[in-house]
Amino acid sequence: RNYHVFYQVLRGCGADESLGLSGGAPSFWYLNQSGVFSADGIDDADGFARLVEAFGCVGYDEGRQQQVFRLVSGLLHLGNVSFDGEDESAVAAGAAESLSRAQSL
C-alpha cells in the first residue's frame, strides 16, 4: 500500500459521484497492484479529516480543497489509462472511460 492520500480521498470523497471513486481502491491500477487496501493502525477516514483540517490551517478554503481532491481523483483515473501499439499508439479501447473521467476533472 502506498500514497496514503489516495486512500484518504477515496474514504472521504468516495460518495461524491462527480469524482468517480465509487469502485474504491480495487478499481484503480495505482492502488490494486499489491492487493493491499488497508494498513494496520491507519484510519483513512481520520487521515482525511486531518488532511481537511491541515488545508484549513494553511488557508485552503473549501473550493481550493475540492480542486485538490479533483486533481487526486484525476490522477487515479489517469493510472487506469493504457495504450495499444508501439510507434503509433492509441488509448486502449477499455481505457476510454478513465481518460474521459480524468479529462472532466
Protein backbone atom coordinates (compact mmCIF):
# COMPACT_ATOMS: atom_id res chain seq x y z
CA ARG A 1 0.00 0.00 0.00
CA ASN A 2 1.37 3.40 -0.94
CA TYR A 3 0.42 7.05 -1.31
CA HIS A 4 -1.92 7.34 1.65
CA VAL A 5 -3.60 10.46 0.24
CA PHE A 6 -5.25 8.32 -2.45
CA TYR A 7 -6.84 6.09 0.18
CA GLN A 8 -7.80 9.09 2.31
CA VAL A 9 -9.53 10.81 -0.60
CA LEU A 10 -11.32 7.58 -1.51
CA ARG A 11 -12.56 7.34 2.06
CA GLY A 12 -13.51 11.00 2.40
CA CYS A 13 -14.84 11.70 -1.10
CA GLY A 14 -15.94 8.27 -2.31
CA ALA A 15 -19.61 9.23 -2.18
CA ASP A 16 -19.04 12.26 -4.44
CA GLU A 17 -20.26 10.83 -7.75
CA SER A 18 -18.62 13.61 -9.76
CA LEU A 19 -15.20 12.20 -8.83
CA GLY A 20 -15.98 8.67 -10.00
CA LEU A 21 -14.46 6.95 -6.98
CA SER A 22 -17.34 4.64 -6.08
CA GLY A 23 -15.44 1.50 -7.11
CA GLY A 24 -12.95 2.04 -4.29
CA ALA A 25 -9.26 1.18 -4.26
CA PRO A 26 -9.60 -2.14 -6.13
CA SER A 27 -10.81 -0.30 -9.24
CA PHE A 28 -7.65 1.80 -9.63
CA TRP A 29 -4.46 0.43 -11.16
CA TYR A 30 -2.19 2.56 -8.97
CA LEU A 31 -3.76 1.03 -5.87
CA ASN A 32 -4.69 -2.52 -6.84
CA GLN A 33 -1.28 -3.89 -7.78
CA SER A 34 -0.41 -5.13 -4.30
CA GLY A 35 -3.90 -6.27 -3.36
CA VAL A 36 -3.45 -4.49 -0.03
CA PHE A 37 -6.12 -1.86 0.56
CA SER A 38 -5.82 -1.21 4.28
CA ALA A 39 -2.94 -0.99 6.70
CA ASP A 40 -2.92 -1.92 10.35
CA GLY A 41 -3.03 1.15 12.55
CA ILE A 42 -4.02 3.53 9.73
CA ASP A 43 -7.52 5.01 9.72
CA ASP A 44 -8.06 6.60 6.31
CA ALA A 45 -11.23 8.41 7.42
CA ASP A 46 -9.31 10.01 10.27
CA GLY A 47 -6.44 10.79 7.91
CA PHE A 48 -8.86 12.52 5.56
CA ALA A 49 -10.29 14.58 8.44
CA ARG A 50 -6.75 15.62 9.45
CA LEU A 51 -5.95 16.47 5.83
CA VAL A 52 -9.00 18.75 5.59
CA GLU A 53 -8.02 20.35 8.91
CA ALA A 54 -4.46 20.92 7.66
CA PHE A 55 -5.77 22.50 4.46
CA GLY A 56 -7.79 24.88 6.61
CA CYS A 57 -4.71 25.77 8.63
CA VAL A 58 -2.82 26.82 5.51
CA GLY A 59 -5.72 28.86 4.20
CA TYR A 60 -7.26 26.47 1.66
CA ASP A 61 -10.96 27.21 1.54
CA GLU A 62 -13.48 24.52 0.59
CA GLY A 63 -13.25 25.41 -3.11
CA ARG A 64 -9.47 25.04 -3.15
CA GLN A 65 -9.74 21.75 -1.24
CA GLN A 66 -12.18 20.43 -3.83
CA GLN A 67 -9.69 21.33 -6.56
CA VAL A 68 -7.05 19.24 -4.81
CA PHE A 69 -9.46 16.32 -4.40
CA ARG A 70 -10.38 16.56 -8.09
CA LEU A 71 -6.68 16.52 -9.00
CA VAL A 72 -6.00 13.46 -6.84
CA SER A 73 -9.05 11.72 -8.31
CA GLY A 74 -7.93 12.60 -11.82
CA LEU A 75 -4.53 11.04 -11.15
CA LEU A 76 -6.21 7.83 -10.05
CA HIS A 77 -8.25 7.75 -13.26
CA LEU A 78 -5.20 8.51 -15.41
CA GLY A 79 -3.50 5.50 -13.86
CA ASN A 80 -6.19 3.33 -15.46
CA VAL A 81 -5.40 4.60 -18.95
CA SER A 82 -3.43 2.17 -21.08
CA PHE A 83 -2.26 2.31 -24.66
CA ASP A 84 -2.18 -0.08 -27.61
CA GLY A 85 0.54 -0.08 -30.23
CA GLU A 86 4.16 0.89 -30.33
CA ASP A 87 5.11 3.64 -32.78
CA GLU A 88 1.56 4.80 -33.41
CA SER A 89 -0.03 4.09 -30.08
CA ALA A 90 -3.58 4.95 -29.15
CA VAL A 91 -5.63 4.81 -25.99
CA ALA A 92 -6.76 1.24 -25.44
CA ALA A 93 -10.47 0.69 -26.01
CA GLY A 94 -11.13 -0.24 -22.39
CA ALA A 95 -9.37 2.88 -21.11
CA ALA A 96 -11.52 5.49 -22.83
CA GLU A 97 -13.88 5.87 -19.86
CA SER A 98 -11.00 6.51 -17.44
CA LEU A 99 -9.46 9.03 -19.80
CA SER A 100 -12.77 10.80 -20.20
CA ARG A 101 -13.30 10.89 -16.43
CA ALA A 102 -9.80 12.27 -15.84
CA GLN A 103 -10.37 14.90 -18.51
CA SER A 104 -13.62 16.01 -16.88
CA LEU A 105 -11.95 16.51 -13.53
